[in-house]
Amino acid sequence: MDSGRVVSSRGLRRTQTLAEHRAWYLLRDRLVARLKFRRQQPIDHYTIDFYCPKLRLAVELDGGVHSQPSQLKRDKEKDE
């Protein structure tokens, strides 16, 4: 993994939104069906909010910034 992406992921974990903080409280420590989740997981050239490797499940929480036109395009590409 690229060291710049590691720094970026760590920064995102430190500056998480309230929604991300609350979701992590529920997903951490295998509290959901004993499944392991990771926060701010780099996948390709995107960073996923939460990722469960066993299920190959990505969970994204969209806040207000995601309603901006430039972010809408990125989100559409990421969803695909």
C-alpha atoms as a PDB file:
ATOM      1  CA  MET A   1       0.000   0.000   0.000  1.00  0.00           C
ATOM      2  CA  ASP A   2       1.216   3.482  -0.870  1.00  0.00           C
ATOM      3  CA  SER A   3       2.503   5.395   2.205  1.00  0.00           C
ATOM      4  CA  GLY A   4       0.626   8.551   1.133  1.00  0.00           C
ATOM      5  CA  ARG A   5      -2.634   6.632   1.228  1.00  0.00           C
ATOM      6  CA  VAL A   6      -1.776   5.264   4.688  1.00  0.00           C
ATOM      7  CA  VAL A   7      -1.232   8.807   5.971  1.00  0.00           C
ATOM      8  CA  SER A   8      -4.496   9.894   4.331  1.00  0.00           C
ATOM      9  CA  SER A   9      -6.431   6.982   5.869  1.00  0.00           C
ATOM     10  CA  ARG A  10      -4.997   7.698   9.304  1.00  0.00           C
ATOM     11  CA  GLY A  11      -5.955  11.354   8.977  1.00  0.00           C
ATOM     12  CA  LEU A  12      -9.484  10.431   7.981  1.00  0.00           C
ATOM     13  CA  ARG A  13      -9.768   8.160  11.021  1.00  0.00           C
ATOM     14  CA  ARG A  14      -8.717  11.047  13.279  1.00  0.00           C
ATOM     15  CA  THR A  15     -11.156  13.522  11.686  1.00  0.00           C
ATOM     16  CA  GLN A  16     -14.194  11.283  11.281  1.00  0.00           C
ATOM     17  CA  THR A  17     -17.679  12.742  11.170  1.00  0.00           C
ATOM     18  CA  LEU A  18     -20.177  12.220  13.982  1.00  0.00           C
ATOM     19  CA  ALA A  19     -22.013   9.649  11.830  1.00  0.00           C
ATOM     20  CA  GLU A  20     -18.758   7.759  11.181  1.00  0.00           C
ATOM     21  CA  HIS A  21     -17.880   7.869  14.873  1.00  0.00           C
ATOM     22  CA  ARG A  22     -21.264   6.422  15.842  1.00  0.00           C
ATOM     23  CA  ALA A  23     -21.139   3.758  13.137  1.00  0.00           C
ATOM     24  CA  TRP A  24     -17.624   2.719  14.199  1.00  0.00           C
ATOM     25  CA  TYR A  25     -18.847   2.363  17.794  1.00  0.00           C
ATOM     26  CA  LEU A  26     -21.353  -0.210  16.511  1.00  0.00           C
ATOM     27  CA  LEU A  27     -19.042  -1.970  14.009  1.00  0.00           C
ATOM     28  CA  ARG A  28     -15.821  -2.177  16.027  1.00  0.00           C
ATOM     29  CA  ASP A  29     -14.543  -5.170  17.997  1.00  0.00           C
ATOM     30  CA  ARG A  30     -16.595  -7.693  15.992  1.00  0.00           C
ATOM     31  CA  LEU A  31     -19.814  -6.503  17.643  1.00  0.00           C
ATOM     32  CA  VAL A  32     -21.885  -7.184  14.498  1.00  0.00           C
ATOM     33  CA  ALA A  33     -22.234 -10.936  13.954  1.00  0.00           C
ATOM     34  CA  ARG A  34     -18.559 -11.335  14.962  1.00  0.00           C
ATOM     35  CA  LEU A  35     -17.502  -9.758  11.671  1.00  0.00           C
ATOM     36  CA  LYS A  36     -14.291  -7.752  11.424  1.00  0.00           C
ATOM     37  CA  PHE A  37     -14.679  -4.255   9.984  1.00  0.00           C
ATOM     38  CA  ARG A  38     -11.917  -1.818   9.038  1.00  0.00           C
ATOM     39  CA  ARG A  39     -12.199   1.977   9.022  1.00  0.00           C
ATOM     40  CA  GLN A  40     -11.093   4.147   6.103  1.00  0.00           C
ATOM     41  CA  GLN A  41      -9.934   1.208   4.009  1.00  0.00           C
ATOM     42  CA  PRO A  42      -8.100   2.105   0.774  1.00  0.00           C
ATOM     43  CA  ILE A  43      -9.467   0.125  -2.187  1.00  0.00           C
ATOM     44  CA  ASP A  44      -8.104   0.958  -5.638  1.00  0.00           C
ATOM     45  CA  HIS A  45      -7.902   4.767  -5.680  1.00  0.00           C
ATOM     46  CA  TYR A  46     -10.801   5.251  -3.233  1.00  0.00           C
ATOM     47  CA  THR A  47     -11.057   5.201   0.540  1.00  0.00           C
ATOM     48  CA  ILE A  48     -14.041   3.266   1.887  1.00  0.00           C
ATOM     49  CA  ASP A  49     -15.552   4.387   5.213  1.00  0.00           C
ATOM     50  CA  PHE A  50     -15.963   0.826   6.537  1.00  0.00           C
ATOM     51  CA  TYR A  51     -15.014  -2.504   4.988  1.00  0.00           C
ATOM     52  CA  CYS A  52     -15.690  -6.120   5.997  1.00  0.00           C
ATOM     53  CA  PRO A  53     -13.129  -8.328   4.200  1.00  0.00           C
ATOM     54  CA  LYS A  54     -14.949 -11.596   4.951  1.00  0.00           C
ATOM     55  CA  LEU A  55     -18.120 -10.432   3.173  1.00  0.00           C
ATOM     56  CA  ARG A  56     -16.308  -8.108   0.750  1.00  0.00           C
ATOM     57  CA  LEU A  57     -18.799  -5.498   1.978  1.00  0.00           C
ATOM     58  CA  ALA A  58     -18.132  -1.777   1.689  1.00  0.00           C
ATOM     59  CA  VAL A  59     -20.155   0.651   3.807  1.00  0.00           C
ATOM     60  CA  GLU A  60     -20.197   4.329   2.878  1.00  0.00           C
ATOM     61  CA  LEU A  61     -21.765   7.117   4.940  1.00  0.00           C
ATOM     62  CA  ASP A  62     -22.560  10.222   2.922  1.00  0.00           C
ATOM     63  CA  GLY A  63     -22.718  13.591   4.656  1.00  0.00           C
ATOM     64  CA  GLY A  64     -23.480  17.088   3.389  1.00  0.00           C
ATOM     65  CA  VAL A  65     -20.308  17.328   1.295  1.00  0.00           C
ATOM     66  CA  HIS A  66     -21.682  14.563  -0.936  1.00  0.00           C
ATOM     67  CA  SER A  67     -24.425  16.851  -2.270  1.00  0.00           C
ATOM     68  CA  GLN A  68     -21.881  19.079  -4.047  1.00  0.00           C
ATOM     69  CA  PRO A  69     -21.775  18.569  -7.846  1.00  0.00           C
ATOM     70  CA  SER A  70     -18.069  17.651  -7.925  1.00  0.00           C
ATOM     71  CA  GLN A  71     -18.578  15.044  -5.213  1.00  0.00           C
ATOM     72  CA  LEU A  72     -21.719  13.619  -6.862  1.00  0.00           C
ATOM     73  CA  LYS A  73     -19.649  12.654  -9.921  1.00  0.00           C
ATOM     74  CA  ARG A  74     -16.949  10.999  -7.781  1.00  0.00           C
ATOM     75  CA  ASP A  75     -19.591   9.153  -5.762  1.00  0.00           C
ATOM     76  CA  LYS A  76     -21.250   7.826  -8.923  1.00  0.00           C
ATOM     77  CA  GLU A  77     -17.913   6.501 -10.203  1.00  0.00           C
ATOM     78  CA  LYS A  78     -17.160   4.985  -6.795  1.00  0.00           C
ATOM     79  CA  ASP A  79     -20.580   3.290  -6.650  1.00  0.00           C
ATOM     80  CA  GLU A  80     -20.006   1.679 -10.044  1.00  0.00           C
END
